[in-house]
Protein backbone atom coordinates (compact mmCIF):
# COMPACT_ATOMS: atom_id res chain seq x y z
CA MET A 1 -43.99 -0.27 -6.20
CA LEU A 2 -45.85 0.50 -2.97
CA SER A 3 -49.61 0.27 -2.89
CA ASP A 4 -51.63 3.50 -2.77
CA ASN A 5 -52.42 3.14 0.92
CA ARG A 6 -48.69 2.82 1.65
CA SER A 7 -47.41 5.67 -0.55
CA MET A 8 -44.61 7.47 1.17
CA ASP A 9 -45.22 11.03 2.30
CA SER A 10 -42.55 13.48 1.15
CA LYS A 11 -41.57 14.25 4.72
CA GLU A 12 -41.05 10.54 5.43
CA LEU A 13 -38.53 9.82 2.66
CA PRO A 14 -35.51 8.29 4.42
CA LEU A 15 -32.59 10.58 3.65
CA VAL A 16 -30.22 7.65 4.11
CA LEU A 17 -32.01 5.84 1.28
CA LEU A 18 -31.77 8.96 -0.87
CA ASP A 19 -28.07 9.35 0.00
CA VAL A 20 -27.30 5.82 -1.23
CA HIS A 21 -29.24 6.37 -4.46
CA LEU A 22 -27.62 9.74 -5.21
CA SER A 23 -24.15 8.24 -4.79
CA GLU A 24 -24.72 6.16 -7.93
CA TYR A 25 -27.49 7.65 -10.06
CA SER A 26 -27.26 11.44 -9.79
CA TYR A 27 -24.73 14.08 -10.75
CA VAL A 28 -22.65 12.75 -7.82
CA GLY A 29 -22.34 9.45 -9.67
CA GLY A 30 -21.62 11.07 -13.00
CA PHE A 31 -25.20 11.25 -14.36
CA GLN A 32 -26.88 14.31 -15.85
CA PRO A 33 -29.61 15.88 -13.68
CA SER A 34 -33.20 15.18 -14.76
CA LYS A 35 -36.76 16.07 -13.84
CA ALA A 36 -36.47 13.46 -11.07
CA ASP A 37 -33.91 15.67 -9.28
CA ILE A 38 -36.27 18.65 -9.49
CA ALA A 39 -39.13 16.51 -8.21
CA VAL A 40 -37.19 15.44 -5.14
CA LEU A 41 -36.02 19.02 -4.61
CA ALA A 42 -39.52 20.46 -4.93
CA SER A 43 -41.00 17.92 -2.52
CA GLY A 44 -39.27 19.59 0.41
CA CYS A 45 -37.96 16.28 1.74
CA VAL A 46 -34.36 17.52 1.76
CA PRO A 47 -33.73 20.02 4.56
CA PRO A 48 -31.88 23.30 3.79
CA SER A 49 -28.81 21.99 5.62
CA PRO A 50 -28.61 18.19 5.26
CA PRO A 51 -26.70 16.33 7.99
CA HIS A 52 -22.92 16.19 7.49
CA THR A 53 -23.05 12.39 7.49
CA LEU A 54 -25.08 12.42 4.27
CA HIS A 55 -22.25 13.49 1.97
CA ASN A 56 -24.02 12.62 -1.28
CA VAL A 57 -27.23 14.47 -0.35
CA ARG A 58 -25.20 17.54 0.58
CA ARG A 59 -23.20 17.51 -2.69
CA TRP A 60 -26.33 16.87 -4.73
CA ALA A 61 -28.24 19.71 -3.04
CA ALA A 62 -25.32 22.12 -3.52
CA HIS A 63 -25.14 21.19 -7.20
CA MET A 64 -28.88 21.58 -7.80
CA ALA A 65 -28.73 25.01 -6.16
CA THR A 66 -26.65 26.22 -9.11
CA PHE A 67 -29.50 25.72 -11.63
CA SER A 68 -31.74 28.62 -12.62
CA SER A 69 -35.48 28.09 -13.09
CA SER A 70 -35.12 28.07 -16.88
CA GLU A 71 -32.34 25.48 -16.66
CA CYS A 72 -34.55 23.32 -14.43
CA GLN A 73 -37.37 23.40 -16.98
CA ALA A 74 -34.94 22.36 -19.74
CA LEU A 75 -33.73 19.24 -17.94
CA LEU A 76 -34.36 15.82 -19.45
CA PRO A 77 -37.40 13.81 -18.27
CA TYR A 78 -37.01 11.17 -15.61
CA THR A 79 -35.81 7.86 -17.09
CA VAL A 80 -38.08 5.06 -15.92
CA GLY A 81 -35.35 2.48 -16.59
CA CYS A 82 -33.03 4.06 -14.04
CA LYS A 83 -32.14 1.54 -11.34
CA MET A 84 -33.83 2.71 -8.17
CA ASP A 85 -35.11 1.31 -4.91
CA GLU A 86 -38.87 0.65 -5.32
CA THR A 87 -39.74 2.80 -2.33
CA LEU A 88 -37.70 5.69 -3.67
CA SER A 89 -39.04 5.13 -7.21
CA ASP A 90 -42.63 5.33 -5.95
CA PHE A 91 -41.82 8.53 -4.11
CA VAL A 92 -40.15 10.10 -7.18
CA HIS A 93 -43.10 9.29 -9.46
CA LYS A 94 -45.51 10.79 -6.95
CA SER A 95 -43.35 13.91 -6.59
CA ILE A 96 -43.10 14.33 -10.38
CA LYS A 97 -46.89 14.28 -10.61
CA VAL A 98 -47.26 16.83 -7.81
CA ASN A 99 -44.55 18.98 -9.35
CA ALA A 100 -46.27 18.92 -12.76
CA GLU A 101 -49.52 20.07 -11.17
CA MET A 102 -47.66 22.90 -9.47
CA GLN A 103 -46.10 23.99 -12.78
CA ASN A 104 -49.47 23.90 -14.49
CA SER A 105 -50.83 26.20 -11.83
CA LYS A 106 -47.85 28.51 -12.55
CA LYS A 107 -46.31 28.06 -9.15
CA GLY A 108 -43.15 26.53 -10.62
CA PRO A 109 -40.71 24.27 -8.81
CA GLN A 110 -39.94 25.25 -5.23
CA ASN A 111 -36.26 25.46 -5.77
CA ASN A 112 -35.45 29.09 -4.90
CA LYS A 113 -32.79 28.97 -7.56
CA GLY A 114 -33.42 32.50 -8.76
CA SER A 115 -33.65 33.86 -12.28
CA GLU A 116 -31.41 33.09 -15.22
CA HIS A 117 -29.11 35.84 -14.04
CA GLY A 118 -28.51 34.18 -10.67
CA LYS A 119 -30.86 36.44 -8.69
CA GLY A 120 -33.30 35.12 -6.12
CA LYS A 121 -36.69 36.57 -5.11
CA SER A 122 -34.94 39.22 -3.03
CA GLY A 123 -33.03 40.41 -6.11
CA LYS A 124 -29.70 39.41 -4.58
CA PHE A 125 -27.12 37.43 -6.51
CA THR A 126 -26.47 33.84 -5.54
CA LEU A 127 -22.78 33.61 -4.69
CA LYS A 128 -21.37 30.43 -6.14
CA THR A 129 -18.60 29.12 -8.35
CA PRO A 130 -19.53 28.14 -11.93
CA LYS A 131 -20.46 24.52 -12.55
CA GLY A 132 -17.48 22.20 -12.71
CA THR A 133 -15.21 24.56 -10.78
CA ARG A 134 -14.35 25.01 -7.12
CA ASP A 135 -12.49 27.20 -4.67
CA TYR A 136 -9.47 25.93 -2.73
CA GLY A 137 -8.87 27.08 0.84
CA PRO A 138 -5.51 27.46 2.59
CA VAL A 139 -5.29 23.82 3.78
CA GLU A 140 -6.25 22.47 0.35
CA MET A 141 -3.69 24.73 -1.30
CA ALA A 142 -1.05 23.42 1.10
CA VAL A 143 -1.85 19.87 -0.07
CA ARG A 144 -1.64 20.99 -3.70
CA ARG A 145 1.74 22.56 -3.04
CA GLN A 146 3.07 19.30 -1.58
CA VAL A 147 1.90 17.29 -4.60
CA PHE A 148 3.21 19.88 -7.05
CA ASP A 149 6.60 19.95 -5.29
CA ILE A 150 6.98 16.17 -5.62
CA ILE A 151 6.06 16.23 -9.30
CA TYR A 152 8.30 19.24 -10.05
CA ASN A 153 11.24 17.50 -8.35
CA VAL A 154 10.79 14.40 -10.50
CA PHE A 155 10.51 16.52 -13.66
CA HIS A 156 13.74 18.32 -12.77
CA MET A 157 15.43 15.01 -11.93
CA HIS A 158 14.87 13.98 -15.55
CA GLY A 159 16.35 17.20 -16.92
CA ALA A 160 13.11 18.70 -18.25
CA VAL A 161 12.74 22.41 -19.00
CA GLU A 162 9.54 24.39 -18.42
CA ILE A 163 7.44 26.21 -21.01
CA GLU A 164 4.15 28.15 -20.91
CA THR A 165 1.56 28.66 -23.66
CA PRO A 166 -1.58 30.88 -23.80
CA VAL A 167 -4.72 29.69 -22.06
CA PHE A 168 -6.57 30.02 -25.38
CA GLU A 169 -5.57 29.05 -28.91
CA LEU A 170 -6.86 29.72 -32.41
CA LYS A 171 -9.80 27.36 -32.80
CA GLU A 172 -8.27 25.87 -35.95
CA VAL A 173 -5.25 24.78 -33.88
CA LEU A 174 -7.48 22.58 -31.70
CA THR A 175 -9.92 21.42 -34.38
CA GLY A 176 -9.54 17.85 -35.62
CA LYS A 177 -7.13 16.68 -32.91
CA TYR A 178 -9.41 15.11 -30.30
CA GLY A 179 -11.86 12.91 -32.20
CA GLU A 180 -15.23 12.59 -30.46
CA ASP A 181 -14.01 14.64 -27.49
CA ALA A 182 -13.88 17.75 -29.73
CA LYS A 183 -17.44 18.53 -28.60
CA LEU A 184 -16.02 19.35 -25.15
CA ILE A 185 -13.89 22.27 -26.39
CA TYR A 186 -14.89 25.67 -24.98
CA ASP A 187 -15.34 28.16 -27.83
CA LEU A 188 -14.96 31.90 -27.17
CA GLU A 189 -16.78 34.77 -28.83
CA ASP A 190 -15.12 36.44 -31.82
CA GLN A 191 -12.73 39.05 -30.48
CA GLY A 192 -10.84 41.18 -32.98
CA GLY A 193 -11.39 38.87 -35.92
CA GLU A 194 -9.85 35.75 -34.36
CA ILE A 195 -11.92 32.66 -33.56
CA LEU A 196 -10.52 31.34 -30.30
CA SER A 197 -11.07 28.38 -27.97
CA LEU A 198 -9.85 27.59 -24.46
CA ARG A 199 -7.17 24.90 -24.50
CA TYR A 200 -8.51 21.38 -24.02
CA ASP A 201 -5.16 19.92 -22.99
CA LEU A 202 -1.47 20.86 -22.98
CA THR A 203 -0.36 18.42 -25.69
CA VAL A 204 -1.78 20.11 -28.78
CA PRO A 205 -0.48 23.57 -27.70
CA PHE A 206 2.93 21.94 -27.18
CA ALA A 207 2.89 20.48 -30.68
CA ARG A 208 1.96 23.92 -32.06
CA TYR A 209 4.82 25.47 -30.04
CA VAL A 210 7.34 22.93 -31.42
CA ALA A 211 6.24 23.46 -35.02
CA MET A 212 6.03 27.25 -34.76
CA ASN A 213 9.52 27.56 -33.23
CA LYS A 214 11.05 24.90 -35.54
CA ILE A 215 12.27 22.85 -32.57
CA SER A 216 13.80 19.49 -33.44
CA ASN A 217 14.20 18.15 -29.89
CA ILE A 218 13.14 19.22 -26.41
CA LYS A 219 12.28 17.58 -23.09
CA ARG A 220 9.70 19.83 -21.51
CA TYR A 221 7.15 20.01 -18.72
CA HIS A 222 4.13 22.27 -18.44
CA VAL A 223 1.81 22.67 -15.45
CA ALA A 224 -1.32 24.72 -16.15
CA ARG A 225 -5.11 24.80 -16.20
CA VAL A 226 -7.12 23.32 -19.05
CA TYR A 227 -10.83 23.58 -19.82
CA ARG A 228 -13.44 21.03 -20.90
CA ARG A 229 -17.15 21.54 -21.39
CA ASP A 230 -17.88 18.30 -19.61
CA ASN A 231 -20.73 17.16 -17.38
CA PRO A 232 -19.14 17.79 -13.98
CA ALA A 233 -18.76 14.84 -11.61
CA MET A 234 -16.52 16.51 -9.08
CA THR A 235 -16.51 13.60 -6.64
CA ARG A 236 -14.82 11.59 -9.43
CA GLY A 237 -12.28 14.29 -10.16
CA ARG A 238 -14.12 15.51 -13.27
CA TYR A 239 -14.08 19.28 -13.54
CA ARG A 240 -14.54 21.86 -16.28
CA GLU A 241 -11.43 23.70 -15.14
CA PHE A 242 -8.51 21.71 -13.81
CA TYR A 243 -4.73 21.41 -13.78
CA GLN A 244 -2.69 19.11 -15.95
CA CYS A 245 0.96 18.28 -15.33
CA ASP A 246 2.55 17.28 -18.62
CA PHE A 247 5.98 15.81 -19.38
CA ASP A 248 6.93 15.29 -23.04
CA ILE A 249 10.00 14.32 -25.06
CA ALA A 250 10.15 15.55 -28.65
CA GLY A 251 12.84 14.44 -31.09
CA GLN A 252 14.12 11.62 -33.25
CA TYR A 253 15.58 8.98 -30.91
CA ASP A 254 16.05 5.22 -30.86
CA ALA A 255 12.88 3.19 -30.34
CA MET A 256 11.30 2.92 -26.89
CA ILE A 257 14.05 4.70 -24.90
CA PRO A 258 12.03 7.94 -24.37
CA ASP A 259 8.85 5.86 -23.95
CA ALA A 260 10.50 3.85 -21.14
CA GLU A 261 11.57 7.10 -19.45
CA CYS A 262 7.94 8.25 -19.39
CA VAL A 263 6.91 4.99 -17.71
CA GLN A 264 9.77 5.40 -15.22
CA LEU A 265 8.70 8.98 -14.45
CA VAL A 266 5.11 7.93 -13.70
CA HIS A 267 6.45 5.09 -11.53
CA GLN A 268 8.66 7.52 -9.56
CA VAL A 269 5.93 10.12 -9.00
CA LEU A 270 3.41 7.58 -7.68
CA LEU A 271 5.98 5.95 -5.41
CA LYS A 272 6.99 9.32 -3.95
CA LEU A 273 3.36 10.34 -3.39
CA ASN A 274 2.89 7.04 -1.51
CA LEU A 275 -0.81 6.68 -2.36
CA GLY A 276 -0.93 2.88 -2.30
CA ASP A 277 -0.62 0.10 -4.84
CA PHE A 278 -0.87 0.99 -8.52
CA ILE A 279 -0.39 -0.44 -11.99
CA ILE A 280 0.75 1.19 -15.21
CA LYS A 281 -1.24 -0.21 -18.12
CA VAL A 282 0.42 -0.20 -21.54
CA ASN A 283 -0.81 -0.94 -25.02
CA HIS A 284 0.06 0.12 -28.56
CA ARG A 285 -2.12 1.81 -31.18
CA LYS A 286 -0.57 -0.38 -33.90
CA ILE A 287 -1.61 -3.49 -31.98
CA LEU A 288 -5.17 -2.20 -31.79
CA ASP A 289 -5.17 -1.29 -35.48
CA GLY A 290 -3.78 -4.72 -36.28
CA VAL A 291 -6.53 -6.40 -34.25
CA PHE A 292 -9.23 -4.25 -35.87
CA GLY A 293 -7.89 -5.04 -39.35
CA ALA A 294 -7.55 -8.76 -38.66
CA CYS A 295 -11.08 -8.90 -37.26
CA GLY A 296 -12.61 -7.19 -40.30
CA VAL A 297 -13.16 -3.60 -39.13
CA PRO A 298 -13.20 -1.16 -42.08
CA VAL A 299 -10.25 1.27 -41.94
CA GLU A 300 -12.55 4.31 -41.70
CA LYS A 301 -14.02 2.87 -38.49
CA PHE A 302 -10.69 2.26 -36.72
CA ARG A 303 -10.80 5.50 -34.70
CA PRO A 304 -14.53 5.34 -33.80
CA ILE A 305 -14.15 1.72 -32.66
CA CYS A 306 -11.00 2.67 -30.73
CA SER A 307 -13.03 5.38 -28.98
CA ALA A 308 -15.61 2.77 -27.97
CA VAL A 309 -12.93 0.39 -26.62
CA ASP A 310 -11.57 3.30 -24.57
CA LYS A 311 -14.73 3.15 -22.43
CA LEU A 312 -13.96 -0.37 -21.15
CA ASP A 313 -12.46 0.99 -17.93
CA LYS A 314 -15.82 2.58 -17.05
CA SER A 315 -18.39 0.37 -18.81
CA PRO A 316 -18.91 -3.42 -19.15
CA TRP A 317 -18.13 -5.11 -22.47
CA GLU A 318 -21.85 -5.50 -23.22
CA ASP A 319 -22.30 -1.71 -23.28
CA VAL A 320 -19.15 -1.19 -25.36
CA ARG A 321 -20.30 -3.84 -27.85
CA LYS A 322 -23.70 -2.18 -28.09
CA GLU A 323 -22.05 1.14 -28.92
CA MET A 324 -19.92 -0.52 -31.61
CA VAL A 325 -22.90 -2.21 -33.24
CA ASP A 326 -25.82 0.19 -32.67
CA GLU A 327 -24.03 3.54 -32.83
CA LYS A 328 -20.89 2.86 -34.89
CA GLY A 329 -22.54 0.43 -37.34
CA LEU A 330 -20.08 -2.45 -36.80
CA ASP A 331 -21.09 -5.99 -37.67
CA GLY A 332 -22.01 -7.90 -34.50
CA ASN A 333 -19.80 -10.89 -35.34
CA VAL A 334 -16.81 -8.58 -35.84
CA ALA A 335 -17.50 -6.94 -32.49
CA ASP A 336 -17.57 -10.36 -30.80
CA VAL A 337 -14.15 -11.24 -32.21
CA ILE A 338 -12.74 -7.90 -31.04
CA GLY A 339 -14.11 -8.72 -27.58
CA GLU A 340 -11.91 -11.83 -27.46
CA TYR A 341 -8.82 -9.59 -27.66
CA VAL A 342 -9.67 -6.42 -25.72
CA LYS A 343 -10.50 -8.42 -22.58
CA LEU A 344 -6.92 -9.76 -22.40
CA SER A 345 -4.28 -8.44 -20.00
CA GLY A 346 -1.01 -9.79 -18.67
CA LYS A 347 2.75 -9.46 -18.82
CA GLU A 348 5.42 -10.37 -21.37
CA GLU A 349 3.99 -13.87 -21.79
CA LEU A 350 0.87 -12.36 -23.38
CA LEU A 351 3.06 -10.46 -25.85
CA GLU A 352 4.69 -13.70 -26.95
CA LYS A 353 1.32 -15.44 -27.20
CA LEU A 354 -0.10 -12.71 -29.45
CA LYS A 355 2.98 -12.72 -31.70
CA ASN A 356 2.00 -16.29 -32.65
CA ASP A 357 -1.76 -15.63 -32.78
CA ALA A 358 -3.28 -17.01 -35.99
CA ARG A 359 -5.10 -13.77 -36.85
CA LEU A 360 -2.25 -11.42 -35.94
CA LYS A 361 0.66 -13.39 -37.40
CA ASP A 362 0.36 -11.69 -40.79
CA SER A 363 -0.54 -8.23 -39.46
CA THR A 364 2.38 -5.84 -39.99
CA ASP A 365 0.91 -3.28 -37.58
CA ALA A 366 0.24 -5.79 -34.80
CA GLN A 367 3.69 -7.39 -35.05
CA ALA A 368 5.41 -3.97 -35.03
CA GLY A 369 3.46 -2.94 -31.93
CA LEU A 370 4.18 -6.20 -30.12
CA SER A 371 7.92 -5.83 -30.87
CA ASP A 372 7.85 -2.27 -29.50
CA LEU A 373 6.23 -3.38 -26.24
CA THR A 374 8.69 -6.27 -25.87
CA LEU A 375 11.54 -3.75 -26.10
CA LEU A 376 9.73 -1.40 -23.72
CA TYR A 377 9.52 -4.17 -21.11
CA GLN A 378 13.25 -4.82 -21.46
CA TYR A 379 14.13 -1.15 -20.91
CA CYS A 380 11.71 -0.85 -17.98
CA LYS A 381 13.40 -3.84 -16.34
CA SER A 382 16.74 -2.04 -16.60
CA LEU A 383 15.12 1.07 -15.08
CA SER A 384 13.56 -1.05 -12.26
CA CYS A 385 10.04 0.11 -13.09
CA ASP A 386 8.62 -3.02 -14.71
CA ASN A 387 7.05 -4.54 -11.58
CA HIS A 388 3.94 -2.34 -11.93
CA LEU A 389 3.71 -2.66 -15.72
CA VAL A 390 0.69 -4.51 -17.18
CA PHE A 391 -0.02 -5.12 -20.87
CA ASP A 392 -3.75 -4.39 -21.19
CA MET A 393 -5.42 -4.93 -24.59
CA GLY A 394 -8.48 -2.97 -23.41
CA LEU A 395 -6.47 0.25 -23.05
CA ALA A 396 -7.23 2.44 -26.07
CA ARG A 397 -6.89 6.16 -25.16
CA GLY A 398 -9.67 7.77 -27.21
CA LEU A 399 -7.79 10.82 -28.52
CA ASP A 400 -7.07 10.69 -32.24
CA TYR A 401 -3.46 11.90 -32.17
CA TYR A 402 -1.89 8.81 -30.55
CA THR A 403 0.19 6.71 -32.96
CA GLY A 404 2.23 4.24 -30.87
CA VAL A 405 2.68 3.23 -27.24
CA ILE A 406 -0.15 4.34 -24.93
CA TYR A 407 -0.22 4.04 -21.16
CA GLU A 408 -2.37 4.80 -18.15
CA ALA A 409 -1.60 4.66 -14.43
CA VAL A 410 -4.35 3.32 -12.16
CA LEU A 411 -4.45 3.33 -8.36
CA MET A 412 -5.66 -0.02 -7.09
CA ALA A 413 -6.81 1.02 -3.61
CA GLY A 414 -9.91 3.16 -2.98
CA GLN A 415 -9.96 6.28 -0.83
CA THR A 416 -12.15 4.36 1.60
CA ALA A 417 -13.03 0.69 1.87
CA LYS A 418 -16.43 1.31 0.26
CA GLU A 419 -15.25 3.19 -2.81
CA GLY A 420 -13.29 0.50 -4.62
CA PRO A 421 -10.66 1.39 -7.23
CA VAL A 422 -9.86 5.08 -7.56
CA GLY A 423 -9.14 4.87 -11.26
CA SER A 424 -6.78 6.56 -13.66
CA VAL A 425 -4.38 9.20 -12.31
CA ALA A 426 -2.03 9.55 -15.31
CA GLY A 427 -2.07 8.77 -18.99
CA GLY A 428 -0.28 9.45 -22.23
CA GLY A 429 1.50 7.91 -25.16
CA ARG A 430 3.34 8.46 -28.43
CA TYR A 431 2.03 10.97 -30.98
CA ASP A 432 4.48 11.13 -33.87
CA GLY A 433 2.21 12.90 -36.36
CA LEU A 434 0.84 15.81 -34.34
CA VAL A 435 3.66 18.33 -34.89
CA GLY A 436 3.57 17.68 -38.64
CA MET A 437 -0.07 18.79 -38.71
CA PHE A 438 1.11 22.33 -37.91
CA ASP A 439 4.29 22.47 -39.98
CA PRO A 440 3.87 24.10 -43.45
CA LYS A 441 6.26 21.51 -44.93
CA LYS A 442 4.64 18.68 -42.94
CA LYS A 443 7.94 18.06 -41.14
CA THR A 444 7.30 15.55 -38.38
CA VAL A 445 8.89 15.58 -34.95
CA PRO A 446 8.28 12.32 -33.02
CA CYS A 447 6.86 12.94 -29.53
CA VAL A 448 5.93 10.93 -26.47
CA GLY A 449 4.58 12.18 -23.16
CA VAL A 450 2.48 11.71 -20.07
CA SER A 451 -0.08 13.84 -18.25
CA PHE A 452 -1.01 13.53 -14.57
CA GLY A 453 -4.63 13.86 -13.43
CA ILE A 454 -3.60 16.25 -10.74
CA GLU A 455 -7.02 17.02 -9.22
CA ARG A 456 -7.55 13.36 -8.37
CA LEU A 457 -4.04 13.13 -6.92
CA PHE A 458 -4.77 16.19 -4.74
CA ALA A 459 -7.95 14.62 -3.36
CA ILE A 460 -6.35 11.26 -2.61
CA HIS A 461 -3.24 12.81 -1.05
CA GLU A 462 -5.38 14.96 1.25
CA GLN A 463 -7.56 11.98 2.18
CA LYS A 464 -4.50 9.93 3.04
CA GLN A 465 -3.01 12.64 5.22
CA ARG A 466 -6.25 13.01 7.16
CA ALA A 467 -6.48 9.23 7.58
CA ASP A 468 -2.91 9.19 8.91
CA ASN A 469 -3.83 12.03 11.31
CA ASP A 470 -1.15 14.24 9.80
CA LYS A 471 -1.43 17.92 10.66
CA LEU A 472 -2.29 19.71 7.43
CA ARG A 473 -0.46 23.03 7.55
CA SER A 474 -1.73 25.95 5.50
CA THR A 475 1.29 28.11 6.34
CA GLN A 476 5.03 27.56 5.97
CA THR A 477 5.91 29.74 8.96
CA GLU A 478 8.90 28.33 10.85
CA VAL A 479 9.14 30.74 13.79
CA PHE A 480 6.57 32.78 15.69
CA VAL A 481 7.89 35.79 17.63
CA ALA A 482 5.91 36.25 20.87
CA ALA A 483 6.03 38.64 23.80
CA ALA A 484 5.30 37.72 27.42
CA CYS A 485 4.42 41.27 28.51
CA LYS A 486 3.20 44.61 27.20
CA GLY A 487 5.26 47.22 25.39
CA MET A 488 7.32 44.76 23.35
CA ILE A 489 6.11 45.61 19.83
CA HIS A 490 9.37 47.24 18.71
CA GLU A 491 11.48 44.42 20.15
CA ARG A 492 9.29 41.86 18.42
CA LEU A 493 9.64 43.68 15.10
CA LYS A 494 13.44 43.86 15.47
CA ILE A 495 13.66 40.11 15.97
CA LEU A 496 11.21 39.54 13.11
CA GLY A 497 13.39 41.63 10.80
CA LEU A 498 16.50 39.75 11.94
CA LEU A 499 14.90 36.37 11.09
CA HIS A 500 13.59 37.58 7.74
CA GLU A 501 17.01 38.94 6.82
CA ALA A 502 18.42 35.45 7.44
CA GLY A 503 15.78 33.89 5.14
CA ILE A 504 13.78 32.32 7.97
CA LYS A 505 10.00 32.25 7.59
CA ALA A 506 8.67 34.09 10.63
CA GLU A 507 5.63 36.04 11.77
CA SER A 508 4.25 37.78 14.81
CA SER A 509 0.95 39.13 16.14
CA TYR A 510 -0.49 42.31 14.62
CA LYS A 511 -1.57 43.53 18.06
CA ASN A 512 0.56 45.88 20.13
CA ASN A 513 -0.01 43.92 23.34
CA PRO A 514 -1.25 40.39 22.51
CA LYS A 515 -1.95 37.90 25.28
CA ILE A 516 0.79 35.31 25.67
CA LEU A 517 -1.62 32.37 25.77
CA ASN A 518 -3.22 33.48 22.50
CA GLN A 519 0.20 33.69 20.83
CA LEU A 520 1.23 30.23 21.98
CA GLN A 521 -2.15 28.75 20.99
CA TYR A 522 -1.81 30.26 17.51
CA SER A 523 1.59 28.61 17.14
CA GLU A 524 0.22 25.22 18.17
CA ASP A 525 -2.91 25.48 16.01
CA ASN A 526 -0.78 26.26 12.95
CA ALA A 527 1.97 23.74 13.80
CA ILE A 528 4.66 26.42 13.76
CA PRO A 529 7.77 24.54 14.91
CA LEU A 530 9.49 27.23 17.04
CA VAL A 531 8.49 30.24 19.15
CA VAL A 532 10.85 33.06 20.15
CA LEU A 533 9.73 34.42 23.52
CA ILE A 534 10.82 37.82 24.88
CA GLY A 535 10.01 39.88 27.94
CA GLU A 536 11.50 42.82 29.81
CA SER A 537 14.10 40.69 31.61
CA GLU A 538 15.16 38.96 28.36
CA VAL A 539 15.65 42.34 26.67
CA GLN A 540 17.76 43.63 29.57
CA GLU A 541 19.91 40.47 29.60
CA GLY A 542 20.30 40.36 25.80
CA ILE A 543 18.76 36.90 25.50
CA VAL A 544 15.63 35.27 24.10
CA LYS A 545 13.83 32.07 24.98
CA LEU A 546 13.39 29.52 22.20
CA ARG A 547 10.36 27.28 22.67
CA ASP A 548 9.74 24.00 20.84
CA THR A 549 6.02 24.02 20.01
CA ALA A 550 5.65 20.23 19.96
CA THR A 551 7.37 19.49 23.29
CA ARG A 552 6.85 22.94 24.90
CA ALA A 553 10.46 22.80 26.09
CA GLU A 554 12.22 26.18 26.38
CA VAL A 555 15.87 27.16 26.32
CA ALA A 556 17.52 30.57 26.84
CA ILE A 557 20.05 31.65 24.19
CA LYS A 558 22.00 34.80 23.47
CA ARG A 559 20.32 37.13 21.03
CA GLU A 560 23.29 37.18 18.65
CA GLU A 561 23.12 33.36 18.45
CA LEU A 562 19.41 33.25 17.62
CA VAL A 563 19.70 32.84 13.84
CA THR A 564 22.33 30.10 14.09
CA VAL A 565 20.40 28.12 16.70
CA VAL A 566 17.08 28.46 14.86
CA LYS A 567 18.61 27.19 11.61
CA GLN A 568 20.14 24.23 13.44
CA ARG A 569 16.81 23.37 15.08
CA LEU A 570 14.89 23.63 11.81
CA ALA A 571 17.45 21.46 10.00
CA ASN A 572 16.92 18.70 12.57
CA LYS A 573 13.13 18.70 12.32
């Protein structure tokens, strides 16, 4: 801590220091806001418009602006144990004290957040999106369309059909399917005597659809929004409303063939998106159950302990062990033995090693799971998708409905050199018992599937395009119809109609007499490949000029040949 005579004045807090801290220990880093955030906000050290270079300060300030005064007062107290630079810690403690004195004098925090109803002092509403959601502009939507197109093409390549289910389900449909994550389900108010909840994922609605329609086999995909009452960490791709892209195979088939196809599909999508190196982690719920049983975990604790292991990709083993022992009531010695296994990862050699492991030799579950993964590796070799496959004993997938193979795709390269691994972008597994939970006769339909974390893929794809200096187009326009002189509106519209009739994406200015330079600049700014130029002489001669936007080269062609030439040019681009 700094001495009293060196205490930092609120106006002197280095914003760069604050930016570094917020990147790890605020909402930006996945933490819940606390009184410390309000203290920093109330101190006035953060300007209304932070510099663009301070990305974390800007995101933090925008997030804090969404809290009403009552929400601010309800925040948790500042945690003294939070890792923080001493200079910044001293400043925060001082600000908390000042802020408390202000509240006692009924001045309240200087956060101009408005009332609970989103109104400020002027009575005007604060225009914002709800927490954990965001708007997407034209360029961002263009990136989303590119990613969606790639994924749709791969789905169709595998012969999948598309279905759609309601955005909300009967609450009882979703209850008891997600384990500890059930607390994140969004419940709706009682409407017409039905208790409803927003869908948490697309898998449980799919299982309900299969059972309700008495389907025995289907290969389906579903792309739609899902909702989770999570603590938003939008820089990490965690939202409350987001898209999932699901691919599932339901039906009774020979072992591991559909499972291998799911691995192949993930492999193909990530290769086509070209986002950098990746691995596809695989494990098996029966292997985990076998390990838990062999190590002495009571059967009733299998799922809670599995949920703890699932956090290994985000937390160190020490924290996971602490959760097992302190929160889940597991014996410390048992937890230590589990740690010997869940830290292991490798290829087929590890499978063979575990088959002969002294503890797992007599475990029916573990041996069955190891045999399944051995077969999976063989099929993936035949499908040429085994080179990215890694057997990871720490992969658990916390959802309760998984019964067999589980997998997760992880990008190995960060978005920037400072960010490190990006993390999981797809996950899934086998869930053979889920459909039977909805069938009156408990008829089971084996299922296996994968879901892509599409929001994270959008962000990385956009980042890559910007890094490669690719022009991000928000429009699909192929031809712009321009006039070089006044009085050409009718001629422009005739050509526009001709192009549209031929299925060519074309547009023109909405002004009667637009300036030629403005028209050409619009075409270049929007990367429209071709421009059709007309003037009085061109109309009299029955020709048009076709301009290549990139090279600015022009060629005169007969009007009746326009459609043919344009299609040829577009096909070659």
